[in-house]
């Protein structure tokens, strides 16, 4: 059933675009889109808001040799010429070099730290409205506003993290007015279940090291889908 209340309809559209609905709910929304103009407008508005988030992911160019390998595979020809090894001495030298390279690669794989699992959360308002998208990145955090809204003069928004089992949150700094922020690796160690909060504070942030104003947005980190 598609709600008629505008706020409930907007929240449903936000969850549909964010992909947080279950399969049955998502199918209900998909079927209603062609015949429900209000729902369609709400979904279009959320897609327009979230479209800018793609700018948070820097483009990655494919390796230069990738297209050559693909072309060679399609054409059925080897990607590189095969040089016959005609002498035992040459074969021994090649084998020794290959062994050294393999050993070096194995050491690199063992010594290189594993990439931390990606986590994400959507910070909700007290009325359960999606407001901020938070993602882990390289041991740090990045966040972007989904629904920019002005603050009253003389107030700022401060970001906090509360690890599972901790008794007090850790300040992650003041959020810039443009509604995007990055927390460098090492400030905290993101983990599943960690609460991410935003409070309203006086200029310069909380003077006590803890939230002094109301916590207006909150969410809990969880592994991203597919990780």
N, C-alpha and C. Protein backbone atom coordinates (compact mmCIF):
# COMPACT_ATOMS: atom_id res chain seq x y z
N UNK A 1 0.85 -1.18 0.00
CA UNK A 1 0.00 0.00 0.00
C UNK A 1 0.88 1.23 0.00
N UNK A 2 0.67 2.14 -0.96
CA UNK A 2 1.44 3.37 -1.05
C UNK A 2 0.78 4.41 -0.15
N UNK A 3 1.50 5.01 0.81
CA UNK A 3 0.87 5.97 1.73
C UNK A 3 0.44 7.24 1.01
N UNK A 4 -0.62 7.88 1.51
CA UNK A 4 -1.07 9.15 0.94
C UNK A 4 -0.49 10.33 1.68
N UNK A 5 -0.06 10.12 2.94
CA UNK A 5 0.55 11.20 3.71
C UNK A 5 1.85 11.64 3.03
N UNK A 6 2.03 12.95 2.77
CA UNK A 6 3.21 13.42 2.03
C UNK A 6 4.54 13.05 2.68
N UNK A 7 4.62 13.15 4.01
CA UNK A 7 5.88 12.83 4.68
C UNK A 7 6.19 11.35 4.60
N UNK A 8 5.18 10.50 4.80
CA UNK A 8 5.40 9.07 4.70
C UNK A 8 5.74 8.67 3.27
N UNK A 9 5.10 9.33 2.30
CA UNK A 9 5.38 9.06 0.89
C UNK A 9 6.82 9.45 0.56
N UNK A 10 7.27 10.60 1.08
CA UNK A 10 8.64 11.06 0.83
C UNK A 10 9.65 10.09 1.44
N UNK A 11 9.37 9.61 2.66
CA UNK A 11 10.28 8.65 3.30
C UNK A 11 10.34 7.35 2.52
N UNK A 12 9.20 6.89 2.01
CA UNK A 12 9.18 5.66 1.21
C UNK A 12 9.99 5.84 -0.07
N UNK A 13 9.84 6.99 -0.72
CA UNK A 13 10.60 7.26 -1.94
C UNK A 13 12.10 7.30 -1.65
N UNK A 14 12.47 7.88 -0.51
CA UNK A 14 13.89 7.94 -0.14
C UNK A 14 14.46 6.54 0.06
N UNK A 15 13.72 5.68 0.76
CA UNK A 15 14.20 4.32 0.99
C UNK A 15 14.28 3.54 -0.32
N UNK A 16 13.33 3.79 -1.23
CA UNK A 16 13.36 3.10 -2.53
C UNK A 16 14.61 3.48 -3.31
N UNK A 17 14.92 4.78 -3.34
CA UNK A 17 16.09 5.24 -4.09
C UNK A 17 17.39 4.78 -3.41
N UNK A 18 17.40 4.76 -2.08
CA UNK A 18 18.60 4.32 -1.35
C UNK A 18 18.79 2.81 -1.40
N UNK A 19 17.72 2.07 -1.77
CA UNK A 19 17.83 0.62 -1.85
C UNK A 19 17.71 -0.09 -0.53
N UNK A 20 17.02 0.54 0.46
CA UNK A 20 16.91 -0.08 1.79
C UNK A 20 15.59 -0.84 1.98
N UNK A 21 14.70 -0.80 0.98
CA UNK A 21 13.46 -1.57 1.08
C UNK A 21 13.74 -3.04 0.81
N UNK A 22 12.89 -3.91 1.38
CA UNK A 22 13.04 -5.32 1.03
C UNK A 22 12.46 -5.56 -0.37
N UNK A 23 12.65 -6.75 -0.91
CA UNK A 23 12.29 -7.03 -2.30
C UNK A 23 10.81 -6.82 -2.55
N UNK A 24 9.96 -7.24 -1.61
CA UNK A 24 8.51 -7.11 -1.81
C UNK A 24 8.10 -5.64 -1.83
N UNK A 25 8.63 -4.85 -0.89
CA UNK A 25 8.28 -3.43 -0.83
C UNK A 25 8.79 -2.69 -2.07
N UNK A 26 10.02 -3.02 -2.49
CA UNK A 26 10.57 -2.37 -3.67
C UNK A 26 9.74 -2.68 -4.92
N UNK A 27 9.25 -3.93 -5.03
CA UNK A 27 8.43 -4.30 -6.18
C UNK A 27 7.09 -3.56 -6.16
N UNK A 28 6.53 -3.36 -4.94
CA UNK A 28 5.28 -2.61 -4.83
C UNK A 28 5.46 -1.17 -5.32
N UNK A 29 6.57 -0.56 -4.93
CA UNK A 29 6.84 0.81 -5.37
C UNK A 29 7.06 0.85 -6.88
N UNK A 30 7.82 -0.12 -7.39
CA UNK A 30 8.10 -0.14 -8.83
C UNK A 30 6.81 -0.25 -9.64
N UNK A 31 5.87 -1.07 -9.17
CA UNK A 31 4.61 -1.25 -9.90
C UNK A 31 3.74 0.01 -9.81
N UNK A 32 3.88 0.75 -8.71
CA UNK A 32 3.02 1.93 -8.51
C UNK A 32 3.54 3.16 -9.25
N UNK A 33 4.82 3.18 -9.58
CA UNK A 33 5.41 4.37 -10.19
C UNK A 33 4.69 4.85 -11.46
N UNK A 34 4.32 3.95 -12.40
CA UNK A 34 3.69 4.45 -13.64
C UNK A 34 2.32 5.09 -13.42
N UNK A 35 1.64 4.76 -12.31
CA UNK A 35 0.26 5.23 -12.12
C UNK A 35 0.11 6.22 -10.96
N UNK A 36 1.16 6.42 -10.18
CA UNK A 36 1.09 7.30 -9.01
C UNK A 36 2.02 8.49 -9.24
N UNK A 37 1.44 9.63 -9.64
CA UNK A 37 2.26 10.80 -9.98
C UNK A 37 3.00 11.35 -8.77
N UNK A 38 2.34 11.36 -7.60
CA UNK A 38 2.99 11.90 -6.40
C UNK A 38 4.20 11.06 -6.01
N UNK A 39 4.05 9.74 -6.09
CA UNK A 39 5.17 8.85 -5.79
C UNK A 39 6.28 9.04 -6.81
N UNK A 40 5.92 9.16 -8.07
CA UNK A 40 6.92 9.33 -9.12
C UNK A 40 7.70 10.63 -8.92
N UNK A 41 7.00 11.71 -8.55
CA UNK A 41 7.67 12.99 -8.30
C UNK A 41 8.62 12.88 -7.12
N UNK A 42 8.20 12.17 -6.07
CA UNK A 42 9.06 12.03 -4.89
C UNK A 42 10.30 11.22 -5.22
N UNK A 43 10.14 10.15 -5.99
CA UNK A 43 11.30 9.33 -6.39
C UNK A 43 12.24 10.14 -7.27
N UNK A 44 11.67 10.90 -8.21
CA UNK A 44 12.51 11.73 -9.08
C UNK A 44 13.30 12.75 -8.27
N UNK A 45 12.65 13.33 -7.25
CA UNK A 45 13.33 14.33 -6.42
C UNK A 45 14.49 13.71 -5.65
N UNK A 46 14.28 12.49 -5.11
CA UNK A 46 15.36 11.84 -4.37
C UNK A 46 16.48 11.40 -5.29
N UNK A 47 16.15 10.95 -6.49
CA UNK A 47 17.20 10.58 -7.44
C UNK A 47 18.03 11.80 -7.83
N UNK A 48 17.39 12.96 -7.94
CA UNK A 48 18.13 14.18 -8.26
C UNK A 48 19.04 14.57 -7.10
N UNK A 49 18.54 14.41 -5.85
CA UNK A 49 19.36 14.75 -4.68
C UNK A 49 20.56 13.84 -4.55
N UNK A 50 20.34 12.53 -4.76
CA UNK A 50 21.40 11.56 -4.54
C UNK A 50 22.34 11.45 -5.72
N UNK A 51 21.93 11.98 -6.87
CA UNK A 51 22.79 11.87 -8.04
C UNK A 51 24.13 12.53 -7.84
N UNK A 52 24.18 13.61 -7.04
CA UNK A 52 25.44 14.32 -6.81
C UNK A 52 26.42 13.49 -6.00
N UNK A 53 25.93 12.45 -5.32
CA UNK A 53 26.83 11.63 -4.50
C UNK A 53 27.80 10.82 -5.34
N UNK A 54 27.48 10.65 -6.62
CA UNK A 54 28.42 9.91 -7.46
C UNK A 54 29.73 10.65 -7.60
N UNK A 55 29.70 11.97 -7.35
CA UNK A 55 30.95 12.74 -7.42
C UNK A 55 31.90 12.40 -6.29
N UNK A 56 31.38 11.73 -5.23
CA UNK A 56 32.26 11.36 -4.11
C UNK A 56 33.22 10.25 -4.50
N UNK A 57 32.89 9.46 -5.52
CA UNK A 57 33.75 8.35 -5.93
C UNK A 57 34.61 8.81 -7.09
N UNK A 58 35.93 8.93 -6.91
CA UNK A 58 36.79 9.38 -8.01
C UNK A 58 36.82 8.36 -9.14
N UNK A 59 36.85 8.83 -10.39
CA UNK A 59 36.92 7.88 -11.52
C UNK A 59 38.24 7.13 -11.53
N UNK A 60 38.19 5.88 -11.94
CA UNK A 60 39.39 5.04 -12.00
C UNK A 60 39.55 4.56 -13.43
N UNK A 61 40.67 4.91 -14.04
CA UNK A 61 40.94 4.50 -15.41
C UNK A 61 41.41 3.06 -15.44
N UNK A 62 41.02 2.27 -16.47
CA UNK A 62 41.49 0.89 -16.57
C UNK A 62 42.97 0.86 -16.90
N UNK A 63 43.66 -0.23 -16.55
CA UNK A 63 45.08 -0.35 -16.90
C UNK A 63 45.29 -0.20 -18.40
N UNK A 64 46.39 0.43 -18.82
CA UNK A 64 46.61 0.68 -20.26
C UNK A 64 46.61 -0.59 -21.10
N UNK A 65 47.09 -1.72 -20.54
CA UNK A 65 47.18 -2.95 -21.33
C UNK A 65 45.87 -3.73 -21.38
N UNK A 66 44.85 -3.26 -20.64
CA UNK A 66 43.62 -4.04 -20.56
C UNK A 66 42.96 -4.19 -21.92
N UNK A 67 42.85 -3.09 -22.68
CA UNK A 67 42.16 -3.17 -23.96
C UNK A 67 42.94 -4.04 -24.96
N UNK A 68 44.28 -4.02 -24.89
CA UNK A 68 45.07 -4.89 -25.76
C UNK A 68 44.77 -6.36 -25.47
N UNK A 69 44.66 -6.69 -24.18
CA UNK A 69 44.37 -8.09 -23.81
C UNK A 69 42.97 -8.49 -24.27
N UNK A 70 42.02 -7.57 -24.12
CA UNK A 70 40.66 -7.88 -24.56
C UNK A 70 40.62 -8.07 -26.07
N UNK A 71 41.28 -7.18 -26.80
CA UNK A 71 41.30 -7.29 -28.26
C UNK A 71 41.98 -8.57 -28.70
N UNK A 72 43.08 -8.93 -28.03
CA UNK A 72 43.78 -10.15 -28.39
C UNK A 72 42.91 -11.37 -28.13
N UNK A 73 42.17 -11.34 -27.02
CA UNK A 73 41.31 -12.48 -26.69
C UNK A 73 40.19 -12.63 -27.72
N UNK A 74 39.59 -11.49 -28.12
CA UNK A 74 38.50 -11.54 -29.08
C UNK A 74 39.01 -12.00 -30.44
N UNK A 75 40.18 -11.53 -30.80
CA UNK A 75 40.72 -11.87 -32.12
C UNK A 75 41.32 -13.26 -32.17
N UNK A 76 41.46 -13.89 -31.00
CA UNK A 76 42.00 -15.24 -30.97
C UNK A 76 43.50 -15.30 -31.19
N UNK A 77 44.20 -14.19 -30.93
CA UNK A 77 45.65 -14.20 -31.09
C UNK A 77 46.29 -13.94 -29.74
N UNK A 78 47.54 -14.36 -29.52
CA UNK A 78 48.20 -14.12 -28.24
C UNK A 78 48.40 -12.64 -27.99
N UNK A 79 48.32 -12.23 -26.73
CA UNK A 79 48.48 -10.83 -26.38
C UNK A 79 49.92 -10.37 -26.54
N UNK A 80 50.86 -11.28 -26.46
CA UNK A 80 52.27 -10.91 -26.60
C UNK A 80 52.98 -12.03 -27.35
N UNK A 81 54.01 -11.70 -28.13
CA UNK A 81 54.73 -12.75 -28.86
C UNK A 81 55.41 -13.71 -27.91
N UNK A 82 55.43 -14.98 -28.30
CA UNK A 82 56.07 -16.01 -27.49
C UNK A 82 57.50 -16.21 -28.02
N UNK A 83 58.48 -16.02 -27.14
CA UNK A 83 59.88 -16.18 -27.52
C UNK A 83 60.33 -17.58 -27.11
N UNK A 84 60.71 -18.45 -28.06
CA UNK A 84 61.14 -19.81 -27.70
C UNK A 84 62.44 -19.78 -26.91
N UNK A 85 62.51 -20.64 -25.90
CA UNK A 85 63.72 -20.77 -25.08
C UNK A 85 64.56 -21.91 -25.67
N UNK A 86 65.66 -21.56 -26.35
CA UNK A 86 66.39 -22.55 -27.15
C UNK A 86 67.53 -23.22 -26.39
N UNK A 87 68.01 -22.61 -25.34
CA UNK A 87 69.17 -23.20 -24.68
C UNK A 87 68.85 -23.46 -23.22
N UNK A 88 69.54 -24.44 -22.66
CA UNK A 88 69.35 -24.74 -21.25
C UNK A 88 69.74 -23.57 -20.37
N UNK A 89 70.80 -22.82 -20.78
CA UNK A 89 71.26 -21.70 -19.96
C UNK A 89 70.19 -20.61 -19.89
N UNK A 90 69.58 -20.32 -21.07
CA UNK A 90 68.53 -19.30 -21.10
C UNK A 90 67.32 -19.74 -20.27
N UNK A 91 66.95 -20.99 -20.40
CA UNK A 91 65.82 -21.50 -19.61
C UNK A 91 66.09 -21.39 -18.12
N UNK A 92 67.33 -21.72 -17.71
CA UNK A 92 67.67 -21.65 -16.28
C UNK A 92 67.60 -20.21 -15.77
N UNK A 93 68.11 -19.26 -16.60
CA UNK A 93 68.08 -17.86 -16.19
C UNK A 93 66.63 -17.37 -16.06
N UNK A 94 65.79 -17.76 -17.04
CA UNK A 94 64.39 -17.34 -16.99
C UNK A 94 63.69 -17.92 -15.77
N UNK A 95 63.93 -19.19 -15.49
CA UNK A 95 63.30 -19.84 -14.34
C UNK A 95 63.72 -19.19 -13.03
N UNK A 96 65.03 -18.85 -12.93
CA UNK A 96 65.53 -18.21 -11.72
C UNK A 96 64.87 -16.85 -11.52
N UNK A 97 64.77 -16.09 -12.62
CA UNK A 97 64.13 -14.78 -12.53
C UNK A 97 62.66 -14.88 -12.17
N UNK A 98 61.97 -15.82 -12.78
CA UNK A 98 60.55 -15.99 -12.49
C UNK A 98 60.33 -16.39 -11.04
N UNK A 99 61.21 -17.25 -10.51
CA UNK A 99 61.09 -17.66 -9.11
C UNK A 99 61.26 -16.46 -8.20
N UNK A 100 62.24 -15.60 -8.51
CA UNK A 100 62.47 -14.42 -7.69
C UNK A 100 61.27 -13.47 -7.73
N UNK A 101 60.71 -13.30 -8.92
CA UNK A 101 59.54 -12.43 -9.04
C UNK A 101 58.36 -12.99 -8.25
N UNK A 102 58.15 -14.30 -8.38
CA UNK A 102 57.04 -14.93 -7.65
C UNK A 102 57.21 -14.78 -6.15
N UNK A 103 58.45 -14.96 -5.67
CA UNK A 103 58.71 -14.82 -4.24
C UNK A 103 58.45 -13.39 -3.79
N UNK A 104 58.86 -12.43 -4.62
CA UNK A 104 58.61 -11.03 -4.27
C UNK A 104 57.14 -10.71 -4.21
N UNK A 105 56.37 -11.22 -5.18
CA UNK A 105 54.93 -10.98 -5.18
C UNK A 105 54.26 -11.63 -3.98
N UNK A 106 54.70 -12.82 -3.62
CA UNK A 106 54.13 -13.50 -2.46
C UNK A 106 54.39 -12.71 -1.19
N UNK A 107 55.62 -12.19 -1.06
CA UNK A 107 55.95 -11.39 0.12
C UNK A 107 55.11 -10.13 0.17
N UNK A 108 54.89 -9.51 -1.00
CA UNK A 108 54.09 -8.29 -1.04
C UNK A 108 52.66 -8.56 -0.62
N UNK A 109 52.10 -9.68 -1.08
CA UNK A 109 50.73 -10.01 -0.71
C UNK A 109 50.60 -10.30 0.77
N UNK A 110 51.62 -10.92 1.35
CA UNK A 110 51.57 -11.23 2.78
C UNK A 110 51.70 -9.97 3.62
N UNK A 111 52.60 -9.06 3.20
CA UNK A 111 52.89 -7.88 4.00
C UNK A 111 51.87 -6.78 3.81
N UNK A 112 51.20 -6.75 2.66
CA UNK A 112 50.25 -5.67 2.41
C UNK A 112 49.03 -5.84 3.29
N UNK A 113 48.63 -4.81 4.05
CA UNK A 113 47.44 -4.95 4.90
C UNK A 113 46.18 -5.10 4.08
N UNK A 114 45.27 -5.89 4.58
CA UNK A 114 44.00 -6.10 3.89
C UNK A 114 43.16 -4.83 3.93
N UNK A 115 42.43 -4.59 2.86
CA UNK A 115 41.54 -3.45 2.82
C UNK A 115 40.43 -3.64 3.85
N UNK A 116 40.16 -2.62 4.69
CA UNK A 116 39.07 -2.77 5.65
C UNK A 116 37.73 -2.88 4.94
N UNK A 117 36.80 -3.64 5.49
CA UNK A 117 35.50 -3.78 4.84
C UNK A 117 34.78 -2.44 4.80
N UNK A 118 34.08 -2.17 3.70
CA UNK A 118 33.37 -0.90 3.56
C UNK A 118 32.08 -0.95 4.38
N UNK A 119 31.82 0.14 5.09
CA UNK A 119 30.62 0.26 5.90
C UNK A 119 29.90 1.55 5.55
N UNK A 120 28.63 1.59 5.86
CA UNK A 120 27.84 2.77 5.53
C UNK A 120 26.66 2.90 6.48
N UNK A 121 26.08 4.07 6.53
CA UNK A 121 24.84 4.29 7.26
C UNK A 121 24.18 5.54 6.72
N UNK A 122 22.88 5.63 6.90
CA UNK A 122 22.13 6.84 6.59
C UNK A 122 21.68 7.44 7.92
N UNK A 123 22.10 8.67 8.20
CA UNK A 123 21.70 9.33 9.43
C UNK A 123 20.27 9.83 9.29
N UNK A 124 19.45 9.50 10.27
CA UNK A 124 18.03 9.85 10.24
C UNK A 124 17.74 10.97 11.23
N UNK A 125 16.71 11.74 10.93
CA UNK A 125 16.25 12.76 11.85
C UNK A 125 15.37 12.12 12.92
N UNK A 126 14.90 12.92 13.86
CA UNK A 126 14.02 12.39 14.91
C UNK A 126 12.70 11.90 14.33
N UNK A 127 12.40 12.31 13.10
CA UNK A 127 11.17 11.84 12.44
C UNK A 127 11.49 10.77 11.41
N UNK A 128 12.67 10.15 11.56
CA UNK A 128 13.10 9.04 10.69
C UNK A 128 13.21 9.46 9.23
N UNK A 129 13.55 10.71 8.98
CA UNK A 129 13.77 11.18 7.62
C UNK A 129 15.26 11.04 7.28
N UNK A 130 15.61 10.41 6.14
CA UNK A 130 17.02 10.31 5.76
C UNK A 130 17.62 11.70 5.55
N UNK A 131 18.78 11.96 6.15
CA UNK A 131 19.36 13.31 6.09
C UNK A 131 20.82 13.33 5.64
N UNK A 132 21.61 12.31 6.02
CA UNK A 132 23.04 12.28 5.68
C UNK A 132 23.43 10.87 5.27
N UNK A 133 24.32 10.77 4.29
CA UNK A 133 24.92 9.50 3.91
C UNK A 133 26.34 9.47 4.43
N UNK A 134 26.69 8.43 5.18
CA UNK A 134 28.03 8.27 5.75
C UNK A 134 28.63 6.98 5.21
N UNK A 135 29.88 7.03 4.73
CA UNK A 135 30.58 5.86 4.21
C UNK A 135 31.99 5.84 4.75
N UNK A 136 32.51 4.62 4.97
CA UNK A 136 33.92 4.49 5.33
C UNK A 136 34.75 4.52 4.06
N UNK A 137 35.98 5.03 4.20
CA UNK A 137 36.87 5.12 3.05
C UNK A 137 38.31 5.08 3.55
N UNK A 138 39.00 3.96 3.27
CA UNK A 138 40.41 3.86 3.63
C UNK A 138 40.69 4.03 5.11
N UNK A 139 39.80 3.58 5.97
CA UNK A 139 39.99 3.73 7.40
C UNK A 139 39.44 5.03 7.95
N UNK A 140 38.93 5.90 7.09
CA UNK A 140 38.31 7.15 7.52
C UNK A 140 36.83 7.16 7.20
N UNK A 141 36.23 8.34 7.24
CA UNK A 141 34.81 8.50 6.95
C UNK A 141 34.62 9.65 5.98
N UNK A 142 33.57 9.57 5.21
CA UNK A 142 33.12 10.72 4.44
C UNK A 142 31.61 10.78 4.53
N UNK A 143 31.08 11.99 4.55
CA UNK A 143 29.64 12.13 4.66
C UNK A 143 29.17 13.26 3.76
N UNK A 144 27.92 13.15 3.32
CA UNK A 144 27.32 14.15 2.44
C UNK A 144 25.86 14.31 2.82
N UNK A 145 25.40 15.55 2.77
CA UNK A 145 24.02 15.85 3.12
C UNK A 145 23.08 15.40 2.01
N UNK A 146 22.00 14.76 2.39
CA UNK A 146 20.97 14.35 1.43
C UNK A 146 19.88 15.41 1.31
N UNK A 147 19.62 16.12 2.40
CA UNK A 147 18.57 17.14 2.43
C UNK A 147 19.14 18.39 3.09
N UNK A 148 19.91 19.20 2.37
CA UNK A 148 20.49 20.41 2.97
C UNK A 148 19.41 21.29 3.60
N UNK A 149 19.70 21.76 4.80
CA UNK A 149 18.75 22.63 5.48
C UNK A 149 19.55 23.68 6.26
N UNK A 150 19.07 24.93 6.31
CA UNK A 150 19.81 25.97 7.02
C UNK A 150 19.74 25.80 8.52
N UNK A 151 20.80 26.26 9.20
CA UNK A 151 20.83 26.30 10.66
C UNK A 151 20.48 27.70 11.13
N UNK A 152 20.01 27.81 12.36
CA UNK A 152 19.78 29.13 12.91
C UNK A 152 21.12 29.84 13.08
N UNK A 153 21.14 31.16 12.97
CA UNK A 153 22.41 31.91 13.07
C UNK A 153 23.12 31.61 14.39
N UNK A 154 24.45 31.56 14.31
CA UNK A 154 25.25 31.35 15.50
C UNK A 154 25.28 29.92 15.98
N UNK A 155 24.94 28.97 15.12
CA UNK A 155 24.99 27.55 15.49
C UNK A 155 25.73 26.77 14.42
N UNK A 156 26.37 25.67 14.80
CA UNK A 156 27.08 24.80 13.87
C UNK A 156 26.68 23.36 14.14
N UNK A 157 26.98 22.49 13.17
CA UNK A 157 26.74 21.06 13.34
C UNK A 157 28.07 20.36 13.62
N UNK A 158 28.07 19.51 14.64
CA UNK A 158 29.29 18.80 15.03
C UNK A 158 29.06 17.30 14.89
N UNK A 159 30.07 16.61 14.35
CA UNK A 159 29.99 15.18 14.08
C UNK A 159 30.62 14.40 15.23
N UNK A 160 29.98 13.29 15.61
CA UNK A 160 30.45 12.47 16.73
C UNK A 160 30.41 11.00 16.34
N UNK A 161 31.24 10.20 17.01
CA UNK A 161 31.22 8.74 16.85
C UNK A 161 31.23 8.09 18.23
N UNK A 162 30.39 7.09 18.41
CA UNK A 162 30.33 6.35 19.66
C UNK A 162 30.52 4.87 19.36
N UNK A 163 31.69 4.34 19.73
CA UNK A 163 32.00 2.94 19.45
C UNK A 163 31.18 2.02 20.35
N UNK A 164 30.89 0.78 19.92
CA UNK A 164 30.16 -0.16 20.76
C UNK A 164 30.89 -0.36 22.10
N UNK A 165 30.18 -0.23 23.20
CA UNK A 165 30.76 -0.40 24.52
C UNK A 165 31.36 0.86 25.10
N UNK A 166 31.53 1.91 24.30
CA UNK A 166 32.10 3.15 24.81
C UNK A 166 31.05 3.91 25.62
N UNK A 167 31.52 4.72 26.56
CA UNK A 167 30.60 5.47 27.41
C UNK A 167 30.44 6.92 26.99
N UNK A 168 31.32 7.40 26.10
CA UNK A 168 31.23 8.79 25.66
C UNK A 168 31.62 8.86 24.18
N UNK A 169 30.96 9.72 23.42
CA UNK A 169 31.30 9.84 22.01
C UNK A 169 32.60 10.61 21.80
N UNK A 170 33.20 10.44 20.63
CA UNK A 170 34.42 11.14 20.24
C UNK A 170 34.05 12.17 19.18
N UNK A 171 34.52 13.40 19.34
CA UNK A 171 34.24 14.44 18.37
C UNK A 171 35.05 14.19 17.10
N UNK A 172 34.37 14.31 15.95
CA UNK A 172 35.03 14.18 14.65
C UNK A 172 35.12 15.53 13.94
N UNK A 173 34.75 16.60 14.63
CA UNK A 173 34.91 17.93 14.08
C UNK A 173 33.61 18.60 13.66
N UNK A 174 33.76 19.86 13.26
CA UNK A 174 32.63 20.66 12.79
C UNK A 174 32.36 20.35 11.32
N UNK A 175 31.10 20.23 10.96
CA UNK A 175 30.72 19.94 9.58
C UNK A 175 30.69 21.25 8.80
N UNK A 176 31.39 21.34 7.67
CA UNK A 176 31.36 22.57 6.87
C UNK A 176 29.96 22.91 6.40
N UNK A 177 29.76 24.21 6.12
CA UNK A 177 28.43 24.68 5.74
C UNK A 177 27.96 24.08 4.43
N UNK A 178 28.91 23.67 3.55
CA UNK A 178 28.48 23.12 2.26
C UNK A 178 27.89 21.72 2.38
N UNK A 179 27.95 21.11 3.55
CA UNK A 179 27.26 19.83 3.74
C UNK A 179 28.04 18.61 3.32
N UNK A 180 29.37 18.71 3.26
CA UNK A 180 30.21 17.54 2.98
C UNK A 180 31.42 17.59 3.91
N UNK A 181 31.87 16.43 4.34
CA UNK A 181 33.02 16.39 5.24
C UNK A 181 33.75 15.07 5.09
N UNK A 182 35.03 15.08 5.42
CA UNK A 182 35.86 13.88 5.40
C UNK A 182 36.59 13.78 6.73
N UNK A 183 36.58 12.60 7.32
CA UNK A 183 37.32 12.32 8.55
C UNK A 183 38.52 11.47 8.18
N UNK A 184 39.71 11.96 8.46
CA UNK A 184 40.93 11.27 8.05
C UNK A 184 41.11 9.95 8.80
N UNK A 185 41.76 8.96 8.16
CA UNK A 185 42.06 7.70 8.87
C UNK A 185 42.90 7.98 10.11
N UNK A 186 42.66 7.22 11.15
CA UNK A 186 43.41 7.37 12.39
C UNK A 186 42.70 8.18 13.45
N UNK A 187 41.73 9.00 13.06
CA UNK A 187 40.97 9.76 14.05
C UNK A 187 40.10 8.81 14.87
N UNK A 188 39.45 7.88 14.18
CA UNK A 188 38.71 6.80 14.83
C UNK A 188 38.96 5.54 14.04
N UNK A 189 38.54 4.41 14.57
CA UNK A 189 38.57 3.15 13.84
C UNK A 189 37.14 2.71 13.60
N UNK A 190 36.60 2.97 12.39
CA UNK A 190 35.21 2.59 12.13
C UNK A 190 35.00 1.10 12.33
N UNK A 191 33.88 0.74 12.92
CA UNK A 191 33.54 -0.67 13.14
C UNK A 191 32.04 -0.84 13.10
N UNK A 192 31.56 -2.05 12.75
CA UNK A 192 30.12 -2.28 12.71
C UNK A 192 29.47 -1.98 14.06
N UNK A 193 28.32 -1.34 14.02
CA UNK A 193 27.62 -0.99 15.24
C UNK A 193 27.99 0.36 15.81
N UNK A 194 28.99 1.02 15.24
CA UNK A 194 29.39 2.34 15.74
C UNK A 194 28.30 3.36 15.41
N UNK A 195 27.90 4.14 16.43
CA UNK A 195 26.92 5.19 16.24
C UNK A 195 27.60 6.44 15.67
N UNK A 196 27.00 7.03 14.66
CA UNK A 196 27.45 8.30 14.10
C UNK A 196 26.34 9.31 14.38
N UNK A 197 26.71 10.42 15.01
CA UNK A 197 25.71 11.40 15.44
C UNK A 197 26.11 12.80 14.97
N UNK A 198 25.11 13.66 14.83
CA UNK A 198 25.33 15.08 14.55
C UNK A 198 24.53 15.88 15.56
N UNK A 199 25.21 16.79 16.26
CA UNK A 199 24.55 17.65 17.23
C UNK A 199 24.66 19.10 16.80
N UNK A 200 23.81 19.94 17.37
CA UNK A 200 23.85 21.39 17.14
C UNK A 200 24.60 22.03 18.28
N UNK A 201 25.64 22.80 17.95
CA UNK A 201 26.54 23.35 18.96
C UNK A 201 26.79 24.84 18.72
N UNK A 202 27.37 25.54 19.71
CA UNK A 202 27.74 26.95 19.51
C UNK A 202 28.93 27.05 18.56
N UNK A 203 29.23 28.24 18.04
CA UNK A 203 30.38 28.40 17.13
C UNK A 203 31.66 27.84 17.75
N UNK A 204 32.42 27.09 16.93
CA UNK A 204 33.64 26.47 17.44
C UNK A 204 33.43 25.08 18.00
N UNK A 205 32.18 24.67 18.17
CA UNK A 205 31.91 23.32 18.65
C UNK A 205 31.66 23.25 20.14
N UNK A 206 31.37 22.06 20.60
CA UNK A 206 31.06 21.84 22.01
C UNK A 206 32.24 22.25 22.89
N UNK A 207 32.02 23.01 23.95
CA UNK A 207 33.11 23.39 24.85
C UNK A 207 33.45 22.32 25.87
N UNK A 208 32.68 21.23 25.92
CA UNK A 208 32.87 20.22 26.96
C UNK A 208 33.46 18.92 26.44
N UNK A 209 33.57 18.77 25.12
CA UNK A 209 34.03 17.50 24.57
C UNK A 209 32.92 16.48 24.43
N UNK A 210 31.71 16.87 24.77
CA UNK A 210 30.53 16.03 24.59
C UNK A 210 29.42 16.88 23.99
N UNK A 211 28.43 16.27 23.35
CA UNK A 211 27.35 17.07 22.79
C UNK A 211 26.65 17.90 23.87
N UNK A 212 26.51 19.20 23.63
CA UNK A 212 25.79 20.06 24.56
C UNK A 212 24.43 20.47 23.99
N UNK A 213 24.32 20.46 22.67
CA UNK A 213 23.04 20.76 22.05
C UNK A 213 22.32 19.48 21.69
N UNK A 214 21.15 19.60 21.07
CA UNK A 214 20.40 18.40 20.72
C UNK A 214 21.11 17.58 19.64
N UNK A 215 21.04 16.25 19.75
CA UNK A 215 21.50 15.36 18.69
C UNK A 215 20.35 15.24 17.70
N UNK A 216 20.55 15.80 16.49
CA UNK A 216 19.44 15.89 15.54
C UNK A 216 19.47 14.81 14.47
N UNK A 217 20.64 14.16 14.27
CA UNK A 217 20.73 13.08 13.28
C UNK A 217 21.56 11.96 13.89
N UNK A 218 21.18 10.71 13.59
CA UNK A 218 21.89 9.57 14.17
C UNK A 218 21.75 8.36 13.25
N UNK A 219 22.78 7.53 13.22
CA UNK A 219 22.76 6.30 12.44
C UNK A 219 23.82 5.36 12.97
N UNK A 220 23.77 4.09 12.56
CA UNK A 220 24.70 3.08 13.05
C UNK A 220 25.40 2.42 11.85
N UNK A 221 26.73 2.39 11.87
CA UNK A 221 27.49 1.81 10.78
C UNK A 221 27.20 0.33 10.64
N UNK A 222 27.08 -0.13 9.39
CA UNK A 222 26.86 -1.54 9.10
C UNK A 222 27.60 -1.87 7.81
N UNK A 223 28.02 -3.14 7.63
CA UNK A 223 28.71 -3.51 6.38
C UNK A 223 27.86 -3.16 5.17
N UNK A 224 28.51 -2.59 4.16
CA UNK A 224 27.80 -2.24 2.93
C UNK A 224 27.41 -3.50 2.18
N UNK A 225 26.37 -3.42 1.40
CA UNK A 225 25.91 -4.57 0.63
C UNK A 225 27.01 -5.02 -0.30
N UNK A 226 27.23 -6.35 -0.35
CA UNK A 226 28.23 -6.92 -1.24
C UNK A 226 29.60 -7.03 -0.63
N UNK A 227 29.77 -6.65 0.67
CA UNK A 227 31.08 -6.78 1.31
C UNK A 227 31.02 -7.82 2.39
